[in-house]
Amino acid sequence: MAFGLRKRGPSNFERAADGSMTLIEHIRELRDRLFRASVAIIVGLIGGYLLAQPAFDLLSQPYCRLPGMMVDGECQKFLMLAPADGFVLKLKLALWIGLILAAPVWLYQLWAFIAPGLHRHERKWAYVFVAIAAPLFAAGAVLAFLVVDKGLAFLLEAGVTGTDSQLEVTRYISFVTTMILLFGVAFEFPLTLLMLNFTGVVSARRLLSWWRVVVFVCFAFAAVATPDPGPFGMTLLALCLSLLYFIAVGVAFLNDRRRGRGKEVYAGIADDEASPLEFDRESVAAGPSVGTVGPIDAPEPVAKPLPIERRYDDVT
């Protein structure tokens, strides 16, 4: 008895890429992917709730490193203003941890919905940029975690003396997480420059010509972003951003050399100068003869149109 193999049809990715999916099918696909992403986030939220206390202990380390916060080998407790502050803070930490744990799932669902509309080379560069963006953000978060205690120490020492330095827990966690996000996003700045170069918006020479402005902006941003007005945190962040900028410019030069950018015939010509036209004259051989020209027959007469009352429109 022979069994016939069922031919497998095109996948949803292939149908979305070639434009054969209808609008209703796109909406159904979006609904399914949102549902899968939501389920993953809920599962991550449950796991984040279990990991909320270790995460809180980790975020409390800069507070415990402050002068005078360690008493008999134990860190002083935070101040809580409302009975529900601890539970609400635990839910917030669980949500952040859940988003991080479920990131592979909901990022894949987002990418699977967007990727069919991109070209093959665009998808390739998207993989590369995402692979670079994640370590850069992690490096910025680690740097923020290392310098936040020095900023807190300055803010506490610069305040009114003779007061208790016990911090309110929700404001402290909000301050630390904001610093981590701010430093992480700042470290994505060189990746933005590379995207502009790879898409052909700016060349590497143009990026290098901005180095004075970029270094000044890096130090100005570091002065505003770091809570410590001392030289340590500001200089460390500014130097890291400047180093990443010059690395991005170096990669842009390699990309321009690979593409042959800057070797065009109009390269080196001023904007108000006309480029020379270099072309060789080529003789064109005579074409074949079309033969003798014959007379054209007279057209046939056109039939007389019907009266207006006997004509029919598109409906009748």
C-alpha atoms as a PDB file:
ATOM      1  CA  MET A   1       0.000   0.000   0.000  1.00  0.00           C
ATOM      2  CA  ALA A   2       1.515   3.261  -1.091  1.00  0.00           C
ATOM      3  CA  PHE A   3       1.350   6.290   1.085  1.00  0.00           C
ATOM      4  CA  GLY A   4       1.455   9.687  -0.586  1.00  0.00           C
ATOM      5  CA  LEU A   5       3.476  12.420   1.011  1.00  0.00           C
ATOM      6  CA  ARG A   6       1.586  15.603   1.639  1.00  0.00           C
ATOM      7  CA  LYS A   7       3.279  18.563   0.050  1.00  0.00           C
ATOM      8  CA  ARG A   8       4.196  21.195   2.587  1.00  0.00           C
ATOM      9  CA  GLY A   9       2.936  24.652   1.741  1.00  0.00           C
ATOM     10  CA  PRO A  10       4.783  27.923   2.231  1.00  0.00           C
ATOM     11  CA  SER A  11       5.331  29.079   5.798  1.00  0.00           C
ATOM     12  CA  ASN A  12       3.845  32.233   7.278  1.00  0.00           C
ATOM     13  CA  PHE A  13       7.243  33.905   6.967  1.00  0.00           C
ATOM     14  CA  GLU A  14       7.425  33.134   3.245  1.00  0.00           C
ATOM     15  CA  ARG A  15       3.830  34.219   2.664  1.00  0.00           C
ATOM     16  CA  ALA A  16       4.386  37.468   4.554  1.00  0.00           C
ATOM     17  CA  ALA A  17       7.632  38.106   2.676  1.00  0.00           C
ATOM     18  CA  ASP A  18       6.113  37.666  -0.786  1.00  0.00           C
ATOM     19  CA  GLY A  19       3.006  39.683   0.096  1.00  0.00           C
ATOM     20  CA  SER A  20       0.485  36.849  -0.338  1.00  0.00           C
ATOM     21  CA  MET A  21      -0.965  37.204   3.177  1.00  0.00           C
ATOM     22  CA  THR A  22      -4.187  39.142   3.486  1.00  0.00           C
ATOM     23  CA  LEU A  23      -4.824  41.911   5.997  1.00  0.00           C
ATOM     24  CA  ILE A  24      -6.921  39.606   8.186  1.00  0.00           C
ATOM     25  CA  GLU A  25      -4.117  37.029   8.233  1.00  0.00           C
ATOM     26  CA  HIS A  26      -1.625  39.719   9.282  1.00  0.00           C
ATOM     27  CA  ILE A  27      -3.937  40.770  12.128  1.00  0.00           C
ATOM     28  CA  ARG A  28      -4.340  37.151  13.232  1.00  0.00           C
ATOM     29  CA  GLU A  29      -0.583  36.663  13.186  1.00  0.00           C
ATOM     30  CA  LEU A  30      -0.116  39.827  15.272  1.00  0.00           C
ATOM     31  CA  ARG A  31      -2.722  38.569  17.742  1.00  0.00           C
ATOM     32  CA  ASP A  32      -1.014  35.177  18.072  1.00  0.00           C
ATOM     33  CA  ARG A  33       2.427  36.694  18.566  1.00  0.00           C
ATOM     34  CA  LEU A  34       1.153  39.185  21.149  1.00  0.00           C
ATOM     35  CA  PHE A  35      -0.478  36.303  23.011  1.00  0.00           C
ATOM     36  CA  ARG A  36       2.744  34.258  23.031  1.00  0.00           C
ATOM     37  CA  ALA A  37       4.764  37.270  24.172  1.00  0.00           C
ATOM     38  CA  SER A  38       2.245  37.987  26.950  1.00  0.00           C
ATOM     39  CA  VAL A  39       2.371  34.384  28.177  1.00  0.00           C
ATOM     40  CA  ALA A  40       6.173  34.514  28.242  1.00  0.00           C
ATOM     41  CA  ILE A  41       6.124  37.781  30.205  1.00  0.00           C
ATOM     42  CA  ILE A  42       3.659  36.336  32.728  1.00  0.00           C
ATOM     43  CA  VAL A  43       5.870  33.282  33.221  1.00  0.00           C
ATOM     44  CA  GLY A  44       8.877  35.584  33.556  1.00  0.00           C
ATOM     45  CA  LEU A  45       6.942  37.683  36.078  1.00  0.00           C
ATOM     46  CA  ILE A  46       6.442  34.604  38.247  1.00  0.00           C
ATOM     47  CA  GLY A  47      10.142  33.817  38.051  1.00  0.00           C
ATOM     48  CA  GLY A  48      10.977  37.463  38.691  1.00  0.00           C
ATOM     49  CA  TYR A  49       8.849  37.448  41.838  1.00  0.00           C
ATOM     50  CA  LEU A  50      10.958  34.573  43.157  1.00  0.00           C
ATOM     51  CA  LEU A  51      14.179  36.416  42.257  1.00  0.00           C
ATOM     52  CA  ALA A  52      13.049  39.830  43.513  1.00  0.00           C
ATOM     53  CA  GLN A  53      14.751  39.520  46.898  1.00  0.00           C
ATOM     54  CA  PRO A  54      18.206  38.572  45.486  1.00  0.00           C
ATOM     55  CA  ALA A  55      17.871  41.416  42.978  1.00  0.00           C
ATOM     56  CA  PHE A  56      17.005  43.832  45.785  1.00  0.00           C
ATOM     57  CA  ASP A  57      20.047  42.692  47.764  1.00  0.00           C
ATOM     58  CA  LEU A  58      22.221  43.285  44.693  1.00  0.00           C
ATOM     59  CA  LEU A  59      20.840  46.783  44.136  1.00  0.00           C
ATOM     60  CA  SER A  60      21.338  47.560  47.836  1.00  0.00           C
ATOM     61  CA  GLN A  61      25.104  47.031  47.666  1.00  0.00           C
ATOM     62  CA  PRO A  62      25.896  50.663  46.657  1.00  0.00           C
ATOM     63  CA  TYR A  63      23.833  51.812  49.642  1.00  0.00           C
ATOM     64  CA  CYS A  64      25.688  49.472  51.974  1.00  0.00           C
ATOM     65  CA  ARG A  65      29.053  50.724  50.670  1.00  0.00           C
ATOM     66  CA  LEU A  66      28.276  54.266  51.834  1.00  0.00           C
ATOM     67  CA  PRO A  67      30.227  55.531  54.864  1.00  0.00           C
ATOM     68  CA  GLY A  68      28.517  54.776  58.153  1.00  0.00           C
ATOM     69  CA  MET A  69      25.932  52.368  56.715  1.00  0.00           C
ATOM     70  CA  MET A  70      27.536  49.207  58.096  1.00  0.00           C
ATOM     71  CA  VAL A  71      26.800  48.641  61.791  1.00  0.00           C
ATOM     72  CA  ASP A  72      28.157  45.469  63.436  1.00  0.00           C
ATOM     73  CA  GLY A  73      28.757  43.955  60.020  1.00  0.00           C
ATOM     74  CA  GLU A  74      25.174  44.507  58.857  1.00  0.00           C
ATOM     75  CA  CYS A  75      23.794  47.141  56.520  1.00  0.00           C
ATOM     76  CA  GLN A  76      21.262  49.572  57.922  1.00  0.00           C
ATOM     77  CA  LYS A  77      17.710  49.040  56.749  1.00  0.00           C
ATOM     78  CA  PHE A  78      15.897  51.369  54.396  1.00  0.00           C
ATOM     79  CA  LEU A  79      13.108  53.694  55.401  1.00  0.00           C
ATOM     80  CA  MET A  80       9.578  52.660  54.380  1.00  0.00           C
ATOM     81  CA  LEU A  81       6.850  55.321  54.400  1.00  0.00           C
ATOM     82  CA  ALA A  82       3.775  53.186  53.644  1.00  0.00           C
ATOM     83  CA  PRO A  83       2.810  49.603  54.528  1.00  0.00           C
ATOM     84  CA  ALA A  84       2.408  48.610  50.877  1.00  0.00           C
ATOM     85  CA  ASP A  85       5.714  50.093  49.674  1.00  0.00           C
ATOM     86  CA  GLY A  86       7.605  46.844  50.133  1.00  0.00           C
ATOM     87  CA  PHE A  87       5.059  44.767  48.222  1.00  0.00           C
ATOM     88  CA  VAL A  88       4.734  47.300  45.394  1.00  0.00           C
ATOM     89  CA  LEU A  89       8.510  47.515  45.107  1.00  0.00           C
ATOM     90  CA  LYS A  90       8.744  43.730  44.920  1.00  0.00           C
ATOM     91  CA  LEU A  91       6.180  43.699  42.104  1.00  0.00           C
ATOM     92  CA  LYS A  92       8.152  46.353  40.200  1.00  0.00           C
ATOM     93  CA  LEU A  93      11.354  44.376  40.536  1.00  0.00           C
ATOM     94  CA  ALA A  94       9.516  41.221  39.482  1.00  0.00           C
ATOM     95  CA  LEU A  95       8.226  42.994  36.367  1.00  0.00           C
ATOM     96  CA  TRP A  96      11.695  44.203  35.385  1.00  0.00           C
ATOM     97  CA  ILE A  97      13.210  40.774  35.973  1.00  0.00           C
ATOM     98  CA  GLY A  98      10.335  39.118  34.107  1.00  0.00           C
ATOM     99  CA  LEU A  99      10.884  41.343  31.086  1.00  0.00           C
ATOM    100  CA  ILE A 100      14.581  40.441  31.100  1.00  0.00           C
ATOM    101  CA  LEU A 101      13.942  36.707  31.501  1.00  0.00           C
ATOM    102  CA  ALA A 102      11.267  36.673  28.794  1.00  0.00           C
ATOM    103  CA  ALA A 103      13.264  38.931  26.460  1.00  0.00           C
ATOM    104  CA  PRO A 104      14.333  36.085  24.120  1.00  0.00           C
ATOM    105  CA  VAL A 105      10.688  35.134  23.559  1.00  0.00           C
ATOM    106  CA  TRP A 106       9.028  38.525  23.113  1.00  0.00           C
ATOM    107  CA  LEU A 107      11.957  39.880  21.119  1.00  0.00           C
ATOM    108  CA  TYR A 108      11.721  36.859  18.811  1.00  0.00           C
ATOM    109  CA  GLN A 109       7.967  37.379  18.379  1.00  0.00           C
ATOM    110  CA  LEU A 110       8.554  41.032  17.552  1.00  0.00           C
ATOM    111  CA  TRP A 111      11.333  40.159  15.118  1.00  0.00           C
ATOM    112  CA  ALA A 112       9.312  37.382  13.452  1.00  0.00           C
ATOM    113  CA  PHE A 113       6.523  39.874  12.748  1.00  0.00           C
ATOM    114  CA  ILE A 114       8.835  42.591  11.373  1.00  0.00           C
ATOM    115  CA  ALA A 115      11.466  40.500   9.555  1.00  0.00           C
ATOM    116  CA  PRO A 116       9.330  39.492   6.520  1.00  0.00           C
ATOM    117  CA  GLY A 117       9.127  43.145   5.514  1.00  0.00           C
ATOM    118  CA  LEU A 118      12.922  43.516   5.418  1.00  0.00           C
ATOM    119  CA  HIS A 119      15.387  42.565   2.717  1.00  0.00           C
ATOM    120  CA  ARG A 120      17.909  39.793   3.288  1.00  0.00           C
ATOM    121  CA  HIS A 121      20.846  42.163   3.827  1.00  0.00           C
ATOM    122  CA  GLU A 122      18.751  44.287   6.196  1.00  0.00           C
ATOM    123  CA  ARG A 123      17.989  41.224   8.309  1.00  0.00           C
ATOM    124  CA  LYS A 124      21.691  40.330   8.363  1.00  0.00           C
ATOM    125  CA  TRP A 125      22.717  43.762   9.643  1.00  0.00           C
ATOM    126  CA  ALA A 126      19.891  43.695  12.190  1.00  0.00           C
ATOM    127  CA  TYR A 127      21.376  40.514  13.686  1.00  0.00           C
ATOM    128  CA  VAL A 128      24.793  42.160  13.875  1.00  0.00           C
ATOM    129  CA  PHE A 129      23.547  45.358  15.521  1.00  0.00           C
ATOM    130  CA  VAL A 130      21.459  43.500  18.088  1.00  0.00           C
ATOM    131  CA  ALA A 131      24.446  41.293  18.951  1.00  0.00           C
ATOM    132  CA  ILE A 132      26.516  44.450  19.552  1.00  0.00           C
ATOM    133  CA  ALA A 133      23.803  46.447  21.340  1.00  0.00           C
ATOM    134  CA  ALA A 134      23.257  43.914  24.131  1.00  0.00           C
ATOM    135  CA  PRO A 135      26.894  43.862  25.394  1.00  0.00           C
ATOM    136  CA  LEU A 136      27.124  47.647  25.104  1.00  0.00           C
ATOM    137  CA  PHE A 137      24.013  48.112  27.237  1.00  0.00           C
ATOM    138  CA  ALA A 138      25.335  45.601  29.779  1.00  0.00           C
ATOM    139  CA  ALA A 139      28.670  47.450  29.939  1.00  0.00           C
ATOM    140  CA  GLY A 140      26.885  50.736  30.594  1.00  0.00           C
ATOM    141  CA  ALA A 141      24.766  49.136  33.318  1.00  0.00           C
ATOM    142  CA  VAL A 142      27.857  47.711  35.045  1.00  0.00           C
ATOM    143  CA  LEU A 143      29.592  51.096  34.906  1.00  0.00           C
ATOM    144  CA  ALA A 144      26.555  52.774  36.453  1.00  0.00           C
ATOM    145  CA  PHE A 145      26.485  50.183  39.223  1.00  0.00           C
ATOM    146  CA  LEU A 146      30.143  50.918  40.003  1.00  0.00           C
ATOM    147  CA  VAL A 147      29.868  54.715  40.187  1.00  0.00           C
ATOM    148  CA  VAL A 148      26.425  55.143  41.765  1.00  0.00           C
ATOM    149  CA  ASP A 149      27.744  54.705  45.316  1.00  0.00           C
ATOM    150  CA  LYS A 150      30.222  57.560  44.842  1.00  0.00           C
ATOM    151  CA  GLY A 151      27.424  59.806  43.617  1.00  0.00           C
ATOM    152  CA  LEU A 152      25.285  58.892  46.602  1.00  0.00           C
ATOM    153  CA  ALA A 153      28.192  59.546  48.975  1.00  0.00           C
ATOM    154  CA  PHE A 154      28.672  63.046  47.573  1.00  0.00           C
ATOM    155  CA  LEU A 155      24.963  63.871  47.712  1.00  0.00           C
ATOM    156  CA  LEU A 156      24.739  62.762  51.324  1.00  0.00           C
ATOM    157  CA  GLU A 157      27.906  64.594  52.379  1.00  0.00           C
ATOM    158  CA  ALA A 158      26.914  67.781  50.538  1.00  0.00           C
ATOM    159  CA  GLY A 159      23.551  67.924  52.290  1.00  0.00           C
ATOM    160  CA  VAL A 160      22.622  69.390  55.638  1.00  0.00           C
ATOM    161  CA  THR A 161      24.837  68.000  58.392  1.00  0.00           C
ATOM    162  CA  GLY A 162      23.502  66.480  61.579  1.00  0.00           C
ATOM    163  CA  THR A 163      20.616  64.613  59.900  1.00  0.00           C
ATOM    164  CA  ASP A 164      19.928  60.924  59.564  1.00  0.00           C
ATOM    165  CA  SER A 165      21.156  59.525  56.252  1.00  0.00           C
ATOM    166  CA  GLN A 166      18.654  56.677  56.105  1.00  0.00           C
ATOM    167  CA  LEU A 167      17.166  56.531  52.587  1.00  0.00           C
ATOM    168  CA  GLU A 168      13.611  55.788  51.502  1.00  0.00           C
ATOM    169  CA  VAL A 169      13.545  52.441  49.722  1.00  0.00           C
ATOM    170  CA  THR A 170      11.366  53.196  46.667  1.00  0.00           C
ATOM    171  CA  ARG A 171      13.207  56.413  45.810  1.00  0.00           C
ATOM    172  CA  TYR A 172      16.569  54.715  46.207  1.00  0.00           C
ATOM    173  CA  ILE A 173      15.664  51.820  43.892  1.00  0.00           C
ATOM    174  CA  SER A 174      14.196  54.272  41.381  1.00  0.00           C
ATOM    175  CA  PHE A 175      17.414  56.304  41.481  1.00  0.00           C
ATOM    176  CA  VAL A 176      19.640  53.255  40.912  1.00  0.00           C
ATOM    177  CA  THR A 177      17.519  51.790  38.092  1.00  0.00           C
ATOM    178  CA  THR A 178      17.338  55.184  36.369  1.00  0.00           C
ATOM    179  CA  MET A 179      21.123  55.464  36.464  1.00  0.00           C
ATOM    180  CA  ILE A 180      21.499  51.951  35.043  1.00  0.00           C
ATOM    181  CA  LEU A 181      19.091  52.672  32.182  1.00  0.00           C
ATOM    182  CA  LEU A 182      20.684  56.051  31.477  1.00  0.00           C
ATOM    183  CA  PHE A 183      24.215  54.650  31.282  1.00  0.00           C
ATOM    184  CA  GLY A 184      23.069  51.675  29.227  1.00  0.00           C
ATOM    185  CA  VAL A 185      21.304  53.849  26.653  1.00  0.00           C
ATOM    186  CA  ALA A 186      24.290  56.220  26.510  1.00  0.00           C
ATOM    187  CA  PHE A 187      26.538  53.321  25.526  1.00  0.00           C
ATOM    188  CA  GLU A 188      24.353  52.760  22.432  1.00  0.00           C
ATOM    189  CA  PHE A 189      25.533  56.120  21.007  1.00  0.00           C
ATOM    190  CA  PRO A 190      28.400  54.677  18.888  1.00  0.00           C
ATOM    191  CA  LEU A 191      26.030  52.065  17.500  1.00  0.00           C
ATOM    192  CA  THR A 192      23.814  54.877  16.228  1.00  0.00           C
ATOM    193  CA  LEU A 193      26.801  56.408  14.436  1.00  0.00           C
ATOM    194  CA  LEU A 194      27.580  53.066  12.805  1.00  0.00           C
ATOM    195  CA  MET A 195      23.994  52.757  11.604  1.00  0.00           C
ATOM    196  CA  LEU A 196      24.251  56.178   9.968  1.00  0.00           C
ATOM    197  CA  ASN A 197      27.498  55.162   8.276  1.00  0.00           C
ATOM    198  CA  PHE A 198      26.343  51.735   7.102  1.00  0.00           C
ATOM    199  CA  THR A 199      23.183  53.228   5.597  1.00  0.00           C
ATOM    200  CA  GLY A 200      25.255  55.787   3.682  1.00  0.00           C
ATOM    201  CA  VAL A 201      23.991  58.876   5.514  1.00  0.00           C
ATOM    202  CA  VAL A 202      27.425  60.060   6.694  1.00  0.00           C
ATOM    203  CA  SER A 203      30.954  59.024   5.789  1.00  0.00           C
ATOM    204  CA  ALA A 204      33.749  58.137   8.189  1.00  0.00           C
ATOM    205  CA  ARG A 205      35.629  61.353   7.377  1.00  0.00           C
ATOM    206  CA  ARG A 206      32.561  63.380   8.280  1.00  0.00           C
ATOM    207  CA  LEU A 207      32.219  61.495  11.567  1.00  0.00           C
ATOM    208  CA  LEU A 208      35.886  62.091  12.380  1.00  0.00           C
ATOM    209  CA  SER A 209      35.537  65.804  11.631  1.00  0.00           C
ATOM    210  CA  TRP A 210      33.011  66.050  14.480  1.00  0.00           C
ATOM    211  CA  TRP A 211      35.395  64.692  17.140  1.00  0.00           C
ATOM    212  CA  ARG A 212      35.783  67.970  19.048  1.00  0.00           C
ATOM    213  CA  VAL A 213      32.032  68.470  19.293  1.00  0.00           C
ATOM    214  CA  VAL A 214      31.454  64.824  20.228  1.00  0.00           C
ATOM    215  CA  VAL A 215      34.065  64.852  23.008  1.00  0.00           C
ATOM    216  CA  PHE A 216      32.579  68.063  24.411  1.00  0.00           C
ATOM    217  CA  VAL A 217      29.070  66.578  24.288  1.00  0.00           C
ATOM    218  CA  CYS A 218      30.325  63.421  26.027  1.00  0.00           C
ATOM    219  CA  PHE A 219      31.783  65.414  28.922  1.00  0.00           C
ATOM    220  CA  ALA A 220      28.685  67.628  29.121  1.00  0.00           C
ATOM    221  CA  PHE A 221      26.401  64.593  29.172  1.00  0.00           C
ATOM    222  CA  ALA A 222      28.574  62.905  31.795  1.00  0.00           C
ATOM    223  CA  ALA A 223      28.451  66.015  33.975  1.00  0.00           C
ATOM    224  CA  VAL A 224      24.644  66.020  33.862  1.00  0.00           C
ATOM    225  CA  ALA A 225      24.065  62.260  34.030  1.00  0.00           C
ATOM    226  CA  THR A 226      26.346  61.398  36.939  1.00  0.00           C
ATOM    227  CA  PRO A 227      25.072  62.468  40.362  1.00  0.00           C
ATOM    228  CA  ASP A 228      28.657  62.892  41.549  1.00  0.00           C
ATOM    229  CA  PRO A 229      30.016  66.298  40.431  1.00  0.00           C
ATOM    230  CA  GLY A 230      33.500  65.119  41.306  1.00  0.00           C
ATOM    231  CA  PRO A 231      36.001  64.176  38.620  1.00  0.00           C
ATOM    232  CA  PHE A 232      35.837  60.386  39.008  1.00  0.00           C
ATOM    233  CA  GLY A 233      32.391  59.393  37.752  1.00  0.00           C
ATOM    234  CA  MET A 234      32.104  62.155  35.163  1.00  0.00           C
ATOM    235  CA  THR A 235      35.563  61.527  33.699  1.00  0.00           C
ATOM    236  CA  LEU A 236      35.091  57.758  33.629  1.00  0.00           C
ATOM    237  CA  LEU A 237      31.787  57.970  31.747  1.00  0.00           C
ATOM    238  CA  ALA A 238      33.064  60.639  29.344  1.00  0.00           C
ATOM    239  CA  LEU A 239      36.227  58.672  28.552  1.00  0.00           C
ATOM    240  CA  CYS A 240      34.230  55.501  27.911  1.00  0.00           C
ATOM    241  CA  LEU A 241      31.853  57.308  25.546  1.00  0.00           C
ATOM    242  CA  SER A 242      34.735  59.026  23.744  1.00  0.00           C
ATOM    243  CA  LEU A 243      36.597  55.727  23.362  1.00  0.00           C
ATOM    244  CA  LEU A 244      33.488  54.061  21.943  1.00  0.00           C
ATOM    245  CA  TYR A 245      33.080  56.983  19.542  1.00  0.00           C
ATOM    246  CA  PHE A 246      36.602  56.604  18.140  1.00  0.00           C
ATOM    247  CA  ILE A 247      36.132  52.837  17.853  1.00  0.00           C
ATOM    248  CA  ALA A 248      32.943  53.462  15.877  1.00  0.00           C
ATOM    249  CA  VAL A 249      34.802  55.889  13.596  1.00  0.00           C
ATOM    250  CA  GLY A 250      37.500  53.257  12.995  1.00  0.00           C
ATOM    251  CA  VAL A 251      34.871  50.678  12.035  1.00  0.00           C
ATOM    252  CA  ALA A 252      33.267  53.281   9.754  1.00  0.00           C
ATOM    253  CA  PHE A 253      36.606  53.800   7.967  1.00  0.00           C
ATOM    254  CA  LEU A 254      36.881  50.054   7.389  1.00  0.00           C
ATOM    255  CA  ASN A 255      33.349  49.998   6.016  1.00  0.00           C
ATOM    256  CA  ASP A 256      34.065  52.919   3.668  1.00  0.00           C
ATOM    257  CA  ARG A 257      37.223  51.215   2.415  1.00  0.00           C
ATOM    258  CA  ARG A 258      35.310  48.001   1.804  1.00  0.00           C
ATOM    259  CA  ARG A 259      32.659  49.825  -0.194  1.00  0.00           C
ATOM    260  CA  GLY A 260      35.165  51.980  -2.046  1.00  0.00           C
ATOM    261  CA  ARG A 261      33.609  55.163  -0.718  1.00  0.00           C
ATOM    262  CA  GLY A 262      35.730  58.242  -1.388  1.00  0.00           C
ATOM    263  CA  LYS A 263      37.168  56.918  -4.664  1.00  0.00           C
ATOM    264  CA  GLU A 264      34.423  58.221  -6.906  1.00  0.00           C
ATOM    265  CA  VAL A 265      35.274  60.397  -9.908  1.00  0.00           C
ATOM    266  CA  TYR A 266      33.796  63.403  -8.146  1.00  0.00           C
ATOM    267  CA  ALA A 267      35.760  62.834  -4.920  1.00  0.00           C
ATOM    268  CA  GLY A 268      38.043  65.743  -4.090  1.00  0.00           C
ATOM    269  CA  ILE A 269      36.046  68.224  -6.182  1.00  0.00           C
ATOM    270  CA  ALA A 270      34.653  71.299  -4.462  1.00  0.00           C
ATOM    271  CA  ASP A 271      30.893  71.744  -4.215  1.00  0.00           C
ATOM    272  CA  ASP A 272      30.937  74.740  -6.579  1.00  0.00           C
ATOM    273  CA  GLU A 273      33.213  73.054  -9.141  1.00  0.00           C
ATOM    274  CA  ALA A 274      31.927  71.118 -12.129  1.00  0.00           C
ATOM    275  CA  SER A 275      33.225  67.595 -12.602  1.00  0.00           C
ATOM    276  CA  PRO A 276      34.940  66.809 -15.943  1.00  0.00           C
ATOM    277  CA  LEU A 277      33.050  64.709 -18.460  1.00  0.00           C
ATOM    278  CA  GLU A 278      35.325  62.010 -19.804  1.00  0.00           C
ATOM    279  CA  PHE A 279      33.899  59.898 -22.594  1.00  0.00           C
ATOM    280  CA  ASP A 280      35.161  58.363 -25.838  1.00  0.00           C
ATOM    281  CA  ARG A 281      33.459  58.944 -29.147  1.00  0.00           C
ATOM    282  CA  GLU A 282      32.460  55.735 -30.877  1.00  0.00           C
ATOM    283  CA  SER A 283      31.418  55.504 -34.497  1.00  0.00           C
ATOM    284  CA  VAL A 284      28.044  53.910 -35.153  1.00  0.00           C
ATOM    285  CA  ALA A 285      27.703  51.660 -38.194  1.00  0.00           C
ATOM    286  CA  ALA A 286      24.845  52.115 -40.632  1.00  0.00           C
ATOM    287  CA  GLY A 287      21.807  50.001 -39.948  1.00  0.00           C
ATOM    288  CA  PRO A 288      20.165  47.576 -42.380  1.00  0.00           C
ATOM    289  CA  SER A 289      17.942  48.933 -45.148  1.00  0.00           C
ATOM    290  CA  VAL A 290      14.217  49.040 -44.501  1.00  0.00           C
ATOM    291  CA  GLY A 291      13.390  48.346 -48.152  1.00  0.00           C
ATOM    292  CA  THR A 292      11.036  50.188 -50.466  1.00  0.00           C
ATOM    293  CA  VAL A 293       8.108  52.178 -49.170  1.00  0.00           C
ATOM    294  CA  GLY A 294       4.694  51.007 -50.392  1.00  0.00           C
ATOM    295  CA  PRO A 295       1.397  52.883 -50.514  1.00  0.00           C
ATOM    296  CA  ILE A 296      -1.048  52.716 -47.629  1.00  0.00           C
ATOM    297  CA  ASP A 297      -4.592  51.517 -48.314  1.00  0.00           C
ATOM    298  CA  ALA A 298      -7.434  53.917 -47.705  1.00  0.00           C
ATOM    299  CA  PRO A 299      -9.222  53.371 -44.392  1.00  0.00           C
ATOM    300  CA  GLU A 300     -12.699  51.906 -44.347  1.00  0.00           C
ATOM    301  CA  PRO A 301     -15.582  54.246 -43.570  1.00  0.00           C
ATOM    302  CA  VAL A 302     -16.837  54.382 -39.990  1.00  0.00           C
ATOM    303  CA  ALA A 303     -20.418  53.235 -39.398  1.00  0.00           C
ATOM    304  CA  LYS A 304     -22.931  55.899 -38.555  1.00  0.00           C
ATOM    305  CA  PRO A 305     -23.620  55.992 -34.797  1.00  0.00           C
ATOM    306  CA  LEU A 306     -27.040  55.088 -33.447  1.00  0.00           C
ATOM    307  CA  PRO A 307     -29.408  57.793 -32.206  1.00  0.00           C
ATOM    308  CA  ILE A 308     -28.954  58.850 -28.600  1.00  0.00           C
ATOM    309  CA  GLU A 309     -32.206  57.233 -27.462  1.00  0.00           C
ATOM    310  CA  ARG A 310     -31.075  53.817 -28.757  1.00  0.00           C
ATOM    311  CA  ARG A 311     -27.710  53.769 -27.028  1.00  0.00           C
ATOM    312  CA  TYR A 312     -27.015  51.781 -23.840  1.00  0.00           C
ATOM    313  CA  ASP A 313     -24.926  52.803 -20.865  1.00  0.00           C
ATOM    314  CA  ASP A 314     -22.929  50.529 -18.559  1.00  0.00           C
ATOM    315  CA  VAL A 315     -25.961  49.748 -16.404  1.00  0.00           C
ATOM    316  CA  THR A 316     -28.763  49.186 -18.899  1.00  0.00           C
END
